[in-house]
């Protein structure tokens, strides 16, 4: 599945990083601790978080993640938007909580 497919299936908002919408998704990782993501997330996963600062995008780039989803209607800071565009990593958003977002993504990935 590609990030663009996930956006369509989950009704996600695209904040930035549109050049990466064709990134392939291999799974997902849920955490709000940058160090946890650095140590455990895998390449091409989608990161689900409520963190909205530019360091999130630095970690996403370091780990070669497919995209980042902000939950609960959180809006990204300006630096986060810039880094998303620079790195070509889509920054997405949803009004849903972390649990609901992870559940939807899990179900979609199982169907693949």
N, C-alpha and C. Protein backbone atom coordinates (compact mmCIF):
# COMPACT_ATOMS: atom_id res chain seq x y z
N UNK A 1 0.84 -1.17 0.00
CA UNK A 1 0.00 0.00 0.00
C UNK A 1 0.89 1.24 0.00
N UNK A 2 0.41 2.28 -0.65
CA UNK A 2 1.11 3.56 -0.69
C UNK A 2 0.44 4.53 0.28
N UNK A 3 1.17 5.59 0.63
CA UNK A 3 0.63 6.61 1.53
C UNK A 3 -0.64 7.20 0.94
N UNK A 4 -0.67 7.42 -0.36
CA UNK A 4 -1.86 7.99 -1.01
C UNK A 4 -3.09 7.09 -0.81
N UNK A 5 -2.88 5.78 -0.82
CA UNK A 5 -3.99 4.85 -0.58
C UNK A 5 -4.50 4.98 0.86
N UNK A 6 -3.57 5.10 1.79
CA UNK A 6 -3.95 5.25 3.21
C UNK A 6 -4.75 6.53 3.42
N UNK A 7 -4.35 7.60 2.79
CA UNK A 7 -5.05 8.87 2.91
C UNK A 7 -6.50 8.71 2.46
N UNK A 8 -6.67 8.05 1.33
CA UNK A 8 -8.01 7.84 0.78
C UNK A 8 -8.85 6.95 1.69
N UNK A 9 -8.29 5.85 2.15
CA UNK A 9 -9.05 4.89 2.95
C UNK A 9 -9.39 5.42 4.34
N UNK A 10 -8.56 6.29 4.90
CA UNK A 10 -8.80 6.79 6.26
C UNK A 10 -9.28 8.24 6.31
N UNK A 11 -9.38 8.89 5.17
CA UNK A 11 -9.82 10.28 5.14
C UNK A 11 -8.87 11.21 5.87
N UNK A 12 -7.57 10.99 5.68
CA UNK A 12 -6.57 11.79 6.38
C UNK A 12 -6.33 13.14 5.70
N UNK A 13 -5.98 14.11 6.48
CA UNK A 13 -5.62 15.43 5.97
C UNK A 13 -4.13 15.43 5.64
N UNK A 14 -3.75 16.04 4.52
CA UNK A 14 -2.34 16.16 4.15
C UNK A 14 -1.88 17.57 4.49
N UNK A 15 -0.95 17.66 5.45
CA UNK A 15 -0.39 18.95 5.83
C UNK A 15 0.76 19.35 4.92
N UNK A 16 1.64 18.40 4.62
CA UNK A 16 2.86 18.70 3.86
C UNK A 16 3.52 17.40 3.42
N UNK A 17 4.64 17.54 2.71
CA UNK A 17 5.40 16.38 2.26
C UNK A 17 4.75 15.64 1.11
N UNK A 18 4.05 16.37 0.26
CA UNK A 18 3.29 15.74 -0.82
C UNK A 18 4.17 14.97 -1.81
N UNK A 19 5.45 15.28 -1.86
CA UNK A 19 6.34 14.55 -2.78
C UNK A 19 6.52 13.09 -2.37
N UNK A 20 6.13 12.74 -1.14
CA UNK A 20 6.27 11.38 -0.67
C UNK A 20 4.97 10.58 -0.65
N UNK A 21 3.95 11.05 -1.31
CA UNK A 21 2.66 10.37 -1.26
C UNK A 21 2.67 8.98 -1.90
N UNK A 22 3.68 8.69 -2.69
CA UNK A 22 3.79 7.36 -3.30
C UNK A 22 4.70 6.44 -2.50
N UNK A 23 5.15 6.89 -1.32
CA UNK A 23 5.96 6.03 -0.45
C UNK A 23 5.18 4.78 -0.11
N UNK A 24 5.87 3.66 -0.11
CA UNK A 24 5.24 2.38 0.25
C UNK A 24 5.22 2.21 1.76
N UNK A 25 4.14 1.65 2.27
CA UNK A 25 3.95 1.43 3.70
C UNK A 25 4.18 -0.04 4.02
N UNK A 26 5.07 -0.30 5.01
CA UNK A 26 5.37 -1.67 5.42
C UNK A 26 4.76 -2.02 6.77
N UNK A 27 4.19 -1.04 7.46
CA UNK A 27 3.62 -1.27 8.79
C UNK A 27 3.44 0.06 9.48
N UNK A 28 3.30 0.01 10.79
CA UNK A 28 3.09 1.24 11.56
C UNK A 28 3.78 1.12 12.91
N UNK A 29 4.05 2.28 13.50
CA UNK A 29 4.63 2.34 14.83
C UNK A 29 3.91 3.45 15.59
N UNK A 30 3.56 3.18 16.84
CA UNK A 30 2.83 4.14 17.66
C UNK A 30 3.66 4.48 18.88
N UNK A 31 4.02 5.76 19.01
CA UNK A 31 4.76 6.21 20.19
C UNK A 31 4.84 7.72 20.17
N UNK A 32 4.94 8.30 21.37
CA UNK A 32 5.15 9.73 21.49
C UNK A 32 6.55 10.05 22.01
N UNK A 33 7.37 9.02 22.19
CA UNK A 33 8.74 9.21 22.66
C UNK A 33 9.70 9.09 21.47
N UNK A 34 10.42 10.16 21.19
CA UNK A 34 11.33 10.14 20.05
C UNK A 34 12.38 9.04 20.18
N UNK A 35 12.91 8.86 21.38
CA UNK A 35 13.94 7.85 21.59
C UNK A 35 13.39 6.44 21.34
N UNK A 36 12.15 6.21 21.68
CA UNK A 36 11.52 4.92 21.43
C UNK A 36 11.41 4.66 19.93
N UNK A 37 10.99 5.65 19.20
CA UNK A 37 10.85 5.52 17.74
C UNK A 37 12.22 5.31 17.11
N UNK A 38 13.21 6.05 17.58
CA UNK A 38 14.57 5.90 17.05
C UNK A 38 15.09 4.48 17.26
N UNK A 39 14.74 3.89 18.37
CA UNK A 39 15.24 2.56 18.69
C UNK A 39 14.43 1.42 18.12
N UNK A 40 13.17 1.65 17.76
CA UNK A 40 12.29 0.53 17.42
C UNK A 40 11.51 0.61 16.12
N UNK A 41 11.28 1.79 15.60
CA UNK A 41 10.53 1.90 14.34
C UNK A 41 11.37 1.34 13.20
N UNK A 42 10.68 0.82 12.19
CA UNK A 42 11.37 0.23 11.05
C UNK A 42 11.11 1.03 9.78
N UNK A 43 12.01 0.91 8.85
CA UNK A 43 11.92 1.58 7.57
C UNK A 43 10.55 1.34 6.92
N UNK A 44 10.02 2.40 6.35
CA UNK A 44 8.74 2.40 5.62
C UNK A 44 7.50 2.22 6.50
N UNK A 45 7.66 2.35 7.81
CA UNK A 45 6.47 2.32 8.66
C UNK A 45 5.87 3.73 8.73
N UNK A 46 4.62 3.79 9.12
CA UNK A 46 3.92 5.04 9.37
C UNK A 46 3.96 5.26 10.88
N UNK A 47 4.36 6.45 11.29
CA UNK A 47 4.47 6.78 12.71
C UNK A 47 3.22 7.54 13.13
N UNK A 48 2.53 7.03 14.14
CA UNK A 48 1.33 7.67 14.69
C UNK A 48 1.74 8.33 16.00
N UNK A 49 1.49 9.65 16.11
CA UNK A 49 1.94 10.40 17.28
C UNK A 49 1.08 11.65 17.49
N UNK A 50 1.26 12.28 18.66
CA UNK A 50 0.65 13.58 18.90
C UNK A 50 1.70 14.68 19.02
N UNK A 51 2.95 14.33 18.84
CA UNK A 51 4.04 15.32 18.87
C UNK A 51 4.00 16.18 17.61
N UNK A 52 4.19 17.50 17.75
CA UNK A 52 4.00 18.42 16.63
C UNK A 52 5.22 19.28 16.31
N UNK A 53 6.40 18.92 16.79
CA UNK A 53 7.58 19.75 16.56
C UNK A 53 8.50 19.15 15.50
N UNK A 54 9.44 19.94 15.01
CA UNK A 54 10.28 19.53 13.89
C UNK A 54 11.17 18.33 14.18
N UNK A 55 11.48 18.05 15.43
CA UNK A 55 12.32 16.90 15.75
C UNK A 55 11.65 15.59 15.35
N UNK A 56 10.33 15.58 15.29
CA UNK A 56 9.61 14.39 14.83
C UNK A 56 10.04 14.07 13.41
N UNK A 57 10.11 15.07 12.57
CA UNK A 57 10.48 14.85 11.17
C UNK A 57 11.94 14.46 11.04
N UNK A 58 12.80 14.94 11.93
CA UNK A 58 14.20 14.53 11.91
C UNK A 58 14.32 13.03 12.21
N UNK A 59 13.55 12.56 13.18
CA UNK A 59 13.56 11.13 13.51
C UNK A 59 12.93 10.32 12.37
N UNK A 60 11.84 10.82 11.80
CA UNK A 60 11.20 10.13 10.68
C UNK A 60 12.16 9.98 9.51
N UNK A 61 12.96 11.00 9.26
CA UNK A 61 13.95 10.95 8.19
C UNK A 61 15.07 9.96 8.52
N UNK A 62 15.55 10.01 9.74
CA UNK A 62 16.60 9.10 10.20
C UNK A 62 16.19 7.64 10.04
N UNK A 63 14.93 7.35 10.32
CA UNK A 63 14.43 5.98 10.26
C UNK A 63 13.80 5.62 8.91
N UNK A 64 13.83 6.54 7.96
CA UNK A 64 13.25 6.33 6.63
C UNK A 64 11.79 5.88 6.71
N UNK A 65 11.01 6.61 7.50
CA UNK A 65 9.59 6.28 7.66
C UNK A 65 8.79 6.75 6.45
N UNK A 66 7.68 6.08 6.20
CA UNK A 66 6.84 6.38 5.03
C UNK A 66 6.04 7.66 5.23
N UNK A 67 5.57 7.90 6.46
CA UNK A 67 4.74 9.07 6.76
C UNK A 67 4.58 9.21 8.27
N UNK A 68 4.07 10.36 8.67
CA UNK A 68 3.75 10.63 10.07
C UNK A 68 2.29 11.06 10.13
N UNK A 69 1.55 10.49 11.08
CA UNK A 69 0.14 10.87 11.28
C UNK A 69 0.01 11.53 12.64
N UNK A 70 -0.50 12.77 12.66
CA UNK A 70 -0.82 13.47 13.90
C UNK A 70 -2.27 13.17 14.26
N UNK A 71 -2.50 12.80 15.49
CA UNK A 71 -3.84 12.41 15.94
C UNK A 71 -4.53 13.54 16.71
N UNK A 72 -5.80 13.30 17.03
CA UNK A 72 -6.61 14.17 17.90
C UNK A 72 -6.69 15.62 17.43
N UNK A 73 -6.58 15.84 16.13
CA UNK A 73 -6.72 17.18 15.58
C UNK A 73 -5.53 18.10 15.84
N UNK A 74 -4.42 17.54 16.28
CA UNK A 74 -3.23 18.36 16.52
C UNK A 74 -2.72 18.95 15.21
N UNK A 75 -2.24 20.16 15.26
CA UNK A 75 -1.71 20.88 14.10
C UNK A 75 -0.19 20.97 14.22
N UNK A 76 0.53 20.77 13.12
CA UNK A 76 1.99 20.82 13.17
C UNK A 76 2.52 22.24 13.31
N UNK A 77 3.67 22.35 13.97
CA UNK A 77 4.37 23.63 14.04
C UNK A 77 5.01 23.93 12.69
N UNK A 78 5.34 25.20 12.45
CA UNK A 78 5.89 25.62 11.16
C UNK A 78 7.16 24.85 10.80
N UNK A 79 8.04 24.64 11.76
CA UNK A 79 9.28 23.91 11.50
C UNK A 79 9.04 22.48 11.09
N UNK A 80 8.00 21.89 11.61
CA UNK A 80 7.64 20.52 11.26
C UNK A 80 7.19 20.45 9.80
N UNK A 81 6.41 21.42 9.39
CA UNK A 81 5.95 21.48 8.00
C UNK A 81 7.13 21.62 7.04
N UNK A 82 8.06 22.50 7.40
CA UNK A 82 9.25 22.71 6.57
C UNK A 82 10.05 21.43 6.41
N UNK A 83 10.32 20.75 7.53
CA UNK A 83 11.12 19.52 7.49
C UNK A 83 10.41 18.43 6.70
N UNK A 84 9.10 18.35 6.83
CA UNK A 84 8.32 17.37 6.09
C UNK A 84 8.50 17.57 4.58
N UNK A 85 8.42 18.81 4.15
CA UNK A 85 8.60 19.12 2.73
C UNK A 85 10.03 18.87 2.28
N UNK A 86 11.00 19.25 3.10
CA UNK A 86 12.41 19.04 2.77
C UNK A 86 12.73 17.56 2.61
N UNK A 87 12.20 16.75 3.50
CA UNK A 87 12.53 15.32 3.53
C UNK A 87 11.62 14.47 2.63
N UNK A 88 10.52 15.05 2.15
CA UNK A 88 9.59 14.29 1.32
C UNK A 88 8.86 13.21 2.09
N UNK A 89 8.62 13.49 3.37
CA UNK A 89 7.88 12.55 4.22
C UNK A 89 6.52 13.17 4.51
N UNK A 90 5.45 12.56 4.02
CA UNK A 90 4.13 13.14 4.24
C UNK A 90 3.78 13.28 5.72
N UNK A 91 3.24 14.43 6.04
CA UNK A 91 2.73 14.73 7.37
C UNK A 91 1.22 14.79 7.25
N UNK A 92 0.56 13.87 7.93
CA UNK A 92 -0.88 13.70 7.80
C UNK A 92 -1.56 13.98 9.12
N UNK A 93 -2.87 14.18 9.09
CA UNK A 93 -3.60 14.44 10.31
C UNK A 93 -4.98 13.81 10.33
N UNK A 94 -5.47 13.59 11.56
CA UNK A 94 -6.80 13.03 11.76
C UNK A 94 -7.38 13.59 13.06
N UNK A 95 -8.68 13.63 13.13
CA UNK A 95 -9.37 14.01 14.37
C UNK A 95 -9.45 12.83 15.34
N UNK A 96 -9.27 11.63 14.81
CA UNK A 96 -9.36 10.43 15.64
C UNK A 96 -8.22 10.37 16.65
N UNK A 97 -8.44 9.61 17.70
CA UNK A 97 -7.41 9.38 18.70
C UNK A 97 -6.41 8.34 18.22
N UNK A 98 -5.38 8.14 19.02
CA UNK A 98 -4.32 7.19 18.68
C UNK A 98 -4.86 5.77 18.53
N UNK A 99 -5.68 5.33 19.46
CA UNK A 99 -6.23 3.98 19.45
C UNK A 99 -7.02 3.72 18.17
N UNK A 100 -7.91 4.65 17.83
CA UNK A 100 -8.74 4.49 16.65
C UNK A 100 -7.90 4.50 15.38
N UNK A 101 -6.93 5.38 15.32
CA UNK A 101 -6.07 5.49 14.15
C UNK A 101 -5.25 4.23 13.95
N UNK A 102 -4.66 3.74 15.03
CA UNK A 102 -3.88 2.50 14.95
C UNK A 102 -4.76 1.33 14.54
N UNK A 103 -5.96 1.27 15.07
CA UNK A 103 -6.88 0.19 14.74
C UNK A 103 -7.27 0.20 13.27
N UNK A 104 -7.57 1.37 12.75
CA UNK A 104 -7.93 1.48 11.33
C UNK A 104 -6.76 1.04 10.45
N UNK A 105 -5.57 1.53 10.77
CA UNK A 105 -4.41 1.18 9.97
C UNK A 105 -4.11 -0.30 10.05
N UNK A 106 -4.24 -0.88 11.22
CA UNK A 106 -4.02 -2.32 11.40
C UNK A 106 -4.96 -3.12 10.51
N UNK A 107 -6.22 -2.75 10.53
CA UNK A 107 -7.22 -3.46 9.72
C UNK A 107 -6.92 -3.34 8.23
N UNK A 108 -6.57 -2.16 7.79
CA UNK A 108 -6.25 -1.93 6.38
C UNK A 108 -5.02 -2.75 5.97
N UNK A 109 -4.01 -2.77 6.80
CA UNK A 109 -2.80 -3.51 6.47
C UNK A 109 -3.05 -5.02 6.43
N UNK A 110 -3.94 -5.51 7.29
CA UNK A 110 -4.28 -6.93 7.26
C UNK A 110 -4.96 -7.33 5.96
N UNK A 111 -5.73 -6.41 5.40
CA UNK A 111 -6.47 -6.67 4.17
C UNK A 111 -5.56 -6.68 2.95
N UNK A 112 -4.38 -6.13 3.08
CA UNK A 112 -3.45 -6.03 1.94
C UNK A 112 -2.90 -7.38 1.55
